[in-house]
Amino acid sequence: MGGEISNAAKSNGNTKPAMASHDGGRARHAAPLLNVRQQDLLQKSWHHSYSSGSDSVGARIFKKIFVTEPAVARIFGLDHVDVKDLTFNPSFRPHADRFTEALIFAVENIQNAEKISQYAQALGANHVKLESRGFKMVYWDVFAEAMTECAIDWEDGVVYCSEAMHAWRLLVSFFVNQMRIGFEQQRRENAAQTDHTSDDHADA
């Protein structure tokens, strides 16, 4: 499914995916991420998701991530908690809520690819601090798969499921790729800062 998600960004029906260029670390997008019909289907799907279980969307996504890649649970200090008990764990809820907030932001700003890009890149940059705990680049693919699988779960039985799923794959692929970009940019900035500090010490 990881390859399917990645390939989703290459095609968008009659609308080409937004192309990003970087100016001072800020992405600019020349075209809408989704066409009008895709935006409508995705927003209807999102509203439907709230009636598909007692867990928040973020909680469902994180549970899938932890099942697929238990090492991620260790990064967040939750490897000792059984998946079925995560919902009521006080350490788990903030992470799940942030994931839900990120998706809410993406759906509410679906007409503004640049705004989503800036948000996702900032979120990705925040994950650099998790490298010391074992965060790996491959986990971005795990995040994307979990997000898409949750969309499949709540789209089950919906009339326009295949079209809505295509829209979700486009959004998920774009969002996670922008998080990856933000992560890599922040890592480069940190490395440059470390090199600069080392040079200053050498000159002292």
C-alpha atoms as a PDB file:
ATOM      1  CA  MET A   1       0.000   0.000   0.000  1.00  0.00           C
ATOM      2  CA  GLY A   2       2.953   2.322   0.544  1.00  0.00           C
ATOM      3  CA  GLY A   3       3.679   2.340  -3.197  1.00  0.00           C
ATOM      4  CA  GLU A   4       0.028   2.967  -3.983  1.00  0.00           C
ATOM      5  CA  ILE A   5      -0.006   5.977  -1.694  1.00  0.00           C
ATOM      6  CA  SER A   6       3.159   7.377  -3.251  1.00  0.00           C
ATOM      7  CA  ASN A   7       1.807   6.899  -6.772  1.00  0.00           C
ATOM      8  CA  ALA A   8      -1.413   8.694  -5.864  1.00  0.00           C
ATOM      9  CA  ALA A   9       0.376  12.028  -5.973  1.00  0.00           C
ATOM     10  CA  LYS A  10       1.239  11.495  -9.640  1.00  0.00           C
ATOM     11  CA  SER A  11      -2.362  11.625 -10.862  1.00  0.00           C
ATOM     12  CA  ASN A  12      -5.387  13.689  -9.896  1.00  0.00           C
ATOM     13  CA  GLY A  13      -8.083  13.077 -12.474  1.00  0.00           C
ATOM     14  CA  ASN A  14      -8.500  16.255 -14.529  1.00  0.00           C
ATOM     15  CA  THR A  15      -6.523  18.303 -12.040  1.00  0.00           C
ATOM     16  CA  LYS A  16      -2.758  18.070 -11.849  1.00  0.00           C
ATOM     17  CA  PRO A  17      -1.258  17.795  -8.368  1.00  0.00           C
ATOM     18  CA  ALA A  18       0.080  21.001  -6.915  1.00  0.00           C
ATOM     19  CA  MET A  19       3.731  21.540  -7.741  1.00  0.00           C
ATOM     20  CA  ALA A  20       5.891  22.877  -4.942  1.00  0.00           C
ATOM     21  CA  SER A  21       8.899  25.125  -5.157  1.00  0.00           C
ATOM     22  CA  HIS A  22      10.852  26.334  -2.165  1.00  0.00           C
ATOM     23  CA  ASP A  23      11.712  29.912  -1.336  1.00  0.00           C
ATOM     24  CA  GLY A  24      13.337  30.264   2.038  1.00  0.00           C
ATOM     25  CA  GLY A  25      11.883  26.946   3.147  1.00  0.00           C
ATOM     26  CA  ARG A  26       8.306  27.919   2.248  1.00  0.00           C
ATOM     27  CA  ALA A  27       6.462  25.903  -0.393  1.00  0.00           C
ATOM     28  CA  ARG A  28       4.423  27.592  -3.105  1.00  0.00           C
ATOM     29  CA  HIS A  29       1.759  25.637  -5.004  1.00  0.00           C
ATOM     30  CA  ALA A  30       0.531  26.663  -8.432  1.00  0.00           C
ATOM     31  CA  ALA A  31      -2.615  24.529  -8.577  1.00  0.00           C
ATOM     32  CA  PRO A  32      -5.277  23.149  -6.215  1.00  0.00           C
ATOM     33  CA  LEU A  33      -4.450  19.840  -4.594  1.00  0.00           C
ATOM     34  CA  LEU A  34      -7.908  18.383  -5.372  1.00  0.00           C
ATOM     35  CA  ASN A  35     -10.615  19.314  -7.843  1.00  0.00           C
ATOM     36  CA  VAL A  36     -13.998  20.580  -6.610  1.00  0.00           C
ATOM     37  CA  ARG A  37     -15.692  17.173  -6.692  1.00  0.00           C
ATOM     38  CA  GLN A  38     -12.809  15.525  -4.835  1.00  0.00           C
ATOM     39  CA  GLN A  39     -12.904  18.249  -2.194  1.00  0.00           C
ATOM     40  CA  ASP A  40     -16.634  17.704  -1.695  1.00  0.00           C
ATOM     41  CA  LEU A  41     -16.289  13.920  -1.433  1.00  0.00           C
ATOM     42  CA  LEU A  42     -13.405  14.175   1.009  1.00  0.00           C
ATOM     43  CA  GLN A  43     -15.250  16.605   3.273  1.00  0.00           C
ATOM     44  CA  LYS A  44     -18.345  14.385   3.293  1.00  0.00           C
ATOM     45  CA  SER A  45     -16.138  11.401   4.093  1.00  0.00           C
ATOM     46  CA  TRP A  46     -14.500  13.329   6.939  1.00  0.00           C
ATOM     47  CA  HIS A  47     -17.859  14.149   8.528  1.00  0.00           C
ATOM     48  CA  HIS A  48     -18.823  10.486   8.178  1.00  0.00           C
ATOM     49  CA  SER A  49     -15.659   9.460  10.035  1.00  0.00           C
ATOM     50  CA  TYR A  50     -16.965  10.942  13.294  1.00  0.00           C
ATOM     51  CA  SER A  51     -19.794   8.415  13.381  1.00  0.00           C
ATOM     52  CA  SER A  52     -17.618   5.379  12.699  1.00  0.00           C
ATOM     53  CA  GLY A  53     -16.384   4.645  16.216  1.00  0.00           C
ATOM     54  CA  SER A  54     -15.904   5.962  19.731  1.00  0.00           C
ATOM     55  CA  ASP A  55     -12.191   6.688  19.251  1.00  0.00           C
ATOM     56  CA  SER A  56     -11.045   9.963  17.730  1.00  0.00           C
ATOM     57  CA  VAL A  57      -9.635   9.748  14.226  1.00  0.00           C
ATOM     58  CA  GLY A  58      -6.165  10.432  15.610  1.00  0.00           C
ATOM     59  CA  ALA A  59      -6.488   7.600  18.127  1.00  0.00           C
ATOM     60  CA  ARG A  60      -7.484   5.145  15.415  1.00  0.00           C
ATOM     61  CA  ILE A  61      -4.554   6.194  13.239  1.00  0.00           C
ATOM     62  CA  PHE A  62      -2.038   5.921  16.075  1.00  0.00           C
ATOM     63  CA  LYS A  63      -3.312   2.476  17.042  1.00  0.00           C
ATOM     64  CA  LYS A  64      -2.769   1.268  13.489  1.00  0.00           C
ATOM     65  CA  ILE A  65       0.723   2.751  13.519  1.00  0.00           C
ATOM     66  CA  PHE A  66       1.608   1.007  16.784  1.00  0.00           C
ATOM     67  CA  VAL A  67       0.298  -2.341  15.516  1.00  0.00           C
ATOM     68  CA  THR A  68       2.160  -2.027  12.205  1.00  0.00           C
ATOM     69  CA  GLU A  69       5.385  -0.704  13.718  1.00  0.00           C
ATOM     70  CA  PRO A  70       5.670  -1.322  17.501  1.00  0.00           C
ATOM     71  CA  ALA A  71       8.977   0.548  17.553  1.00  0.00           C
ATOM     72  CA  VAL A  72       7.025   3.792  17.111  1.00  0.00           C
ATOM     73  CA  ALA A  73       5.234   3.107  20.402  1.00  0.00           C
ATOM     74  CA  ARG A  74       8.643   2.959  22.111  1.00  0.00           C
ATOM     75  CA  ILE A  75       9.527   6.377  20.696  1.00  0.00           C
ATOM     76  CA  PHE A  76       6.467   7.837  22.404  1.00  0.00           C
ATOM     77  CA  GLY A  77       7.054   5.866  25.617  1.00  0.00           C
ATOM     78  CA  LEU A  78       3.914   3.780  25.100  1.00  0.00           C
ATOM     79  CA  ASP A  79       5.374   0.366  24.294  1.00  0.00           C
ATOM     80  CA  HIS A  80       4.307  -0.917  27.727  1.00  0.00           C
ATOM     81  CA  VAL A  81       0.621  -0.145  27.054  1.00  0.00           C
ATOM     82  CA  ASP A  82      -1.625  -2.698  25.353  1.00  0.00           C
ATOM     83  CA  VAL A  83      -3.240  -1.299  22.204  1.00  0.00           C
ATOM     84  CA  LYS A  84      -6.750  -1.887  23.576  1.00  0.00           C
ATOM     85  CA  ASP A  85      -5.903   0.245  26.617  1.00  0.00           C
ATOM     86  CA  LEU A  86      -4.419   3.183  24.712  1.00  0.00           C
ATOM     87  CA  THR A  87      -7.666   5.125  24.367  1.00  0.00           C
ATOM     88  CA  PHE A  88      -7.796   6.016  28.049  1.00  0.00           C
ATOM     89  CA  ASN A  89      -4.060   6.399  28.578  1.00  0.00           C
ATOM     90  CA  PRO A  90      -3.289  10.018  29.580  1.00  0.00           C
ATOM     91  CA  SER A  91       0.051   9.962  27.745  1.00  0.00           C
ATOM     92  CA  PHE A  92      -1.556   8.701  24.548  1.00  0.00           C
ATOM     93  CA  ARG A  93      -4.389  11.213  24.247  1.00  0.00           C
ATOM     94  CA  PRO A  94      -2.268  14.320  23.476  1.00  0.00           C
ATOM     95  CA  HIS A  95      -0.533  12.540  20.574  1.00  0.00           C
ATOM     96  CA  ALA A  96      -3.850  11.283  19.199  1.00  0.00           C
ATOM     97  CA  ASP A  97      -5.433  14.723  19.564  1.00  0.00           C
ATOM     98  CA  ARG A  98      -2.589  16.389  17.655  1.00  0.00           C
ATOM     99  CA  PHE A  99      -3.066  13.915  14.809  1.00  0.00           C
ATOM    100  CA  THR A 100      -6.795  14.668  14.756  1.00  0.00           C
ATOM    101  CA  GLU A 101      -6.100  18.411  14.778  1.00  0.00           C
ATOM    102  CA  ALA A 102      -3.720  18.011  11.829  1.00  0.00           C
ATOM    103  CA  LEU A 103      -6.352  16.233   9.755  1.00  0.00           C
ATOM    104  CA  ILE A 104      -9.009  18.777  10.721  1.00  0.00           C
ATOM    105  CA  PHE A 105      -6.671  21.534   9.531  1.00  0.00           C
ATOM    106  CA  ALA A 106      -5.993  19.739   6.231  1.00  0.00           C
ATOM    107  CA  VAL A 107      -9.678  19.125   5.502  1.00  0.00           C
ATOM    108  CA  GLU A 108     -10.755  22.644   6.476  1.00  0.00           C
ATOM    109  CA  ASN A 109      -8.042  24.144   4.249  1.00  0.00           C
ATOM    110  CA  ILE A 110      -8.324  21.679   1.383  1.00  0.00           C
ATOM    111  CA  GLN A 111      -8.609  24.565  -1.117  1.00  0.00           C
ATOM    112  CA  ASN A 112      -5.286  26.028   0.008  1.00  0.00           C
ATOM    113  CA  ALA A 113      -2.405  23.653  -0.738  1.00  0.00           C
ATOM    114  CA  GLU A 114       0.194  26.215   0.337  1.00  0.00           C
ATOM    115  CA  LYS A 115      -1.386  26.604   3.764  1.00  0.00           C
ATOM    116  CA  ILE A 116      -1.497  22.822   4.230  1.00  0.00           C
ATOM    117  CA  SER A 117       2.119  22.591   3.083  1.00  0.00           C
ATOM    118  CA  GLN A 118       3.334  25.148   5.615  1.00  0.00           C
ATOM    119  CA  TYR A 119       1.423  23.439   8.427  1.00  0.00           C
ATOM    120  CA  ALA A 120       2.647  19.950   7.488  1.00  0.00           C
ATOM    121  CA  GLN A 121       6.251  21.079   7.083  1.00  0.00           C
ATOM    122  CA  ALA A 122       6.209  22.686  10.520  1.00  0.00           C
ATOM    123  CA  LEU A 123       4.756  19.496  11.976  1.00  0.00           C
ATOM    124  CA  GLY A 124       7.425  17.424  10.250  1.00  0.00           C
ATOM    125  CA  ALA A 125      10.168  19.714  11.543  1.00  0.00           C
ATOM    126  CA  ASN A 126       8.963  19.096  15.096  1.00  0.00           C
ATOM    127  CA  HIS A 127       9.632  15.383  14.661  1.00  0.00           C
ATOM    128  CA  VAL A 128      13.400  15.901  14.276  1.00  0.00           C
ATOM    129  CA  LYS A 129      13.725  15.915  18.061  1.00  0.00           C
ATOM    130  CA  LEU A 130      12.423  12.323  18.036  1.00  0.00           C
ATOM    131  CA  GLU A 131      15.481  11.085  16.118  1.00  0.00           C
ATOM    132  CA  SER A 132      17.375  10.688  19.367  1.00  0.00           C
ATOM    133  CA  ARG A 133      14.651   8.261  20.482  1.00  0.00           C
ATOM    134  CA  GLY A 134      14.890   6.171  17.326  1.00  0.00           C
ATOM    135  CA  PHE A 135      12.650   7.906  14.782  1.00  0.00           C
ATOM    136  CA  LYS A 136      13.454   6.712  11.240  1.00  0.00           C
ATOM    137  CA  MET A 137      12.573   8.106   7.826  1.00  0.00           C
ATOM    138  CA  VAL A 138      10.709   4.906   6.938  1.00  0.00           C
ATOM    139  CA  TYR A 139       8.123   5.773   9.588  1.00  0.00           C
ATOM    140  CA  TRP A 140       6.690   8.455   7.281  1.00  0.00           C
ATOM    141  CA  ASP A 141       5.473   5.618   5.049  1.00  0.00           C
ATOM    142  CA  VAL A 142       3.990   3.887   8.102  1.00  0.00           C
ATOM    143  CA  PHE A 143       2.125   7.105   8.982  1.00  0.00           C
ATOM    144  CA  ALA A 144       0.787   7.413   5.425  1.00  0.00           C
ATOM    145  CA  GLU A 145      -0.410   3.812   5.326  1.00  0.00           C
ATOM    146  CA  ALA A 146      -2.157   4.097   8.693  1.00  0.00           C
ATOM    147  CA  MET A 147      -3.927   7.304   7.674  1.00  0.00           C
ATOM    148  CA  THR A 148      -5.115   5.772   4.404  1.00  0.00           C
ATOM    149  CA  GLU A 149      -6.228   2.535   6.067  1.00  0.00           C
ATOM    150  CA  CYS A 150      -8.343   4.525   8.521  1.00  0.00           C
ATOM    151  CA  ALA A 151      -9.976   6.334   5.607  1.00  0.00           C
ATOM    152  CA  ILE A 152     -10.743   2.939   4.055  1.00  0.00           C
ATOM    153  CA  ASP A 153     -12.323   1.813   7.334  1.00  0.00           C
ATOM    154  CA  TRP A 154     -14.735   4.718   7.596  1.00  0.00           C
ATOM    155  CA  GLU A 155     -15.470   4.730   3.826  1.00  0.00           C
ATOM    156  CA  ASP A 156     -16.726   1.126   3.957  1.00  0.00           C
ATOM    157  CA  GLY A 157     -20.185   1.074   2.409  1.00  0.00           C
ATOM    158  CA  VAL A 158     -20.209   4.701   1.272  1.00  0.00           C
ATOM    159  CA  VAL A 159     -21.618   5.127  -2.249  1.00  0.00           C
ATOM    160  CA  TYR A 160     -18.672   6.965  -3.790  1.00  0.00           C
ATOM    161  CA  CYS A 161     -16.047   5.017  -1.901  1.00  0.00           C
ATOM    162  CA  SER A 162     -13.510   4.618  -4.725  1.00  0.00           C
ATOM    163  CA  GLU A 163     -13.585   8.311  -5.654  1.00  0.00           C
ATOM    164  CA  ALA A 164     -13.391   9.406  -2.036  1.00  0.00           C
ATOM    165  CA  MET A 165     -10.506   7.024  -1.418  1.00  0.00           C
ATOM    166  CA  HIS A 166      -8.603   8.481  -4.368  1.00  0.00           C
ATOM    167  CA  ALA A 167      -9.076  11.944  -2.873  1.00  0.00           C
ATOM    168  CA  TRP A 168      -7.873  10.713   0.535  1.00  0.00           C
ATOM    169  CA  ARG A 169      -4.788   9.110  -1.021  1.00  0.00           C
ATOM    170  CA  LEU A 170      -3.925  12.373  -2.749  1.00  0.00           C
ATOM    171  CA  LEU A 171      -4.310  14.361   0.468  1.00  0.00           C
ATOM    172  CA  VAL A 172      -2.448  11.842   2.635  1.00  0.00           C
ATOM    173  CA  SER A 173       0.411  11.538   0.143  1.00  0.00           C
ATOM    174  CA  PHE A 174       0.740  15.316  -0.113  1.00  0.00           C
ATOM    175  CA  PHE A 175       0.500  15.902   3.638  1.00  0.00           C
ATOM    176  CA  VAL A 176       3.024  13.227   4.606  1.00  0.00           C
ATOM    177  CA  ASN A 177       5.436  14.247   1.843  1.00  0.00           C
ATOM    178  CA  GLN A 178       5.315  17.823   3.137  1.00  0.00           C
ATOM    179  CA  MET A 179       5.984  16.555   6.669  1.00  0.00           C
ATOM    180  CA  ARG A 180       8.970  14.678   5.278  1.00  0.00           C
ATOM    181  CA  ILE A 181      10.233  17.856   3.581  1.00  0.00           C
ATOM    182  CA  GLY A 182       9.910  19.827   6.806  1.00  0.00           C
ATOM    183  CA  PHE A 183      11.711  17.072   8.706  1.00  0.00           C
ATOM    184  CA  GLU A 184      14.617  17.001   6.245  1.00  0.00           C
ATOM    185  CA  GLN A 185      14.902  20.795   6.122  1.00  0.00           C
ATOM    186  CA  GLN A 186      15.013  21.045   9.907  1.00  0.00           C
ATOM    187  CA  ARG A 187      17.605  18.292  10.091  1.00  0.00           C
ATOM    188  CA  ARG A 188      19.805  20.135   7.587  1.00  0.00           C
ATOM    189  CA  GLU A 189      19.412  23.378   9.521  1.00  0.00           C
ATOM    190  CA  ASN A 190      20.378  21.637  12.755  1.00  0.00           C
ATOM    191  CA  ALA A 191      23.429  20.087  11.095  1.00  0.00           C
ATOM    192  CA  ALA A 192      24.494  23.450   9.676  1.00  0.00           C
ATOM    193  CA  GLN A 193      24.093  25.072  13.082  1.00  0.00           C
ATOM    194  CA  THR A 194      26.189  22.329  14.678  1.00  0.00           C
ATOM    195  CA  ASP A 195      28.923  22.802  12.063  1.00  0.00           C
ATOM    196  CA  HIS A 196      28.874  26.571  12.610  1.00  0.00           C
ATOM    197  CA  THR A 197      29.177  26.128  16.375  1.00  0.00           C
ATOM    198  CA  SER A 198      32.070  23.689  15.917  1.00  0.00           C
ATOM    199  CA  ASP A 199      33.877  26.181  13.662  1.00  0.00           C
ATOM    200  CA  ASP A 200      33.411  28.934  16.244  1.00  0.00           C
ATOM    201  CA  HIS A 201      34.931  26.729  18.942  1.00  0.00           C
ATOM    202  CA  ALA A 202      37.846  25.837  16.675  1.00  0.00           C
ATOM    203  CA  ASP A 203      38.586  29.514  16.049  1.00  0.00           C
ATOM    204  CA  ALA A 204      38.414  30.402  19.744  1.00  0.00           C
END
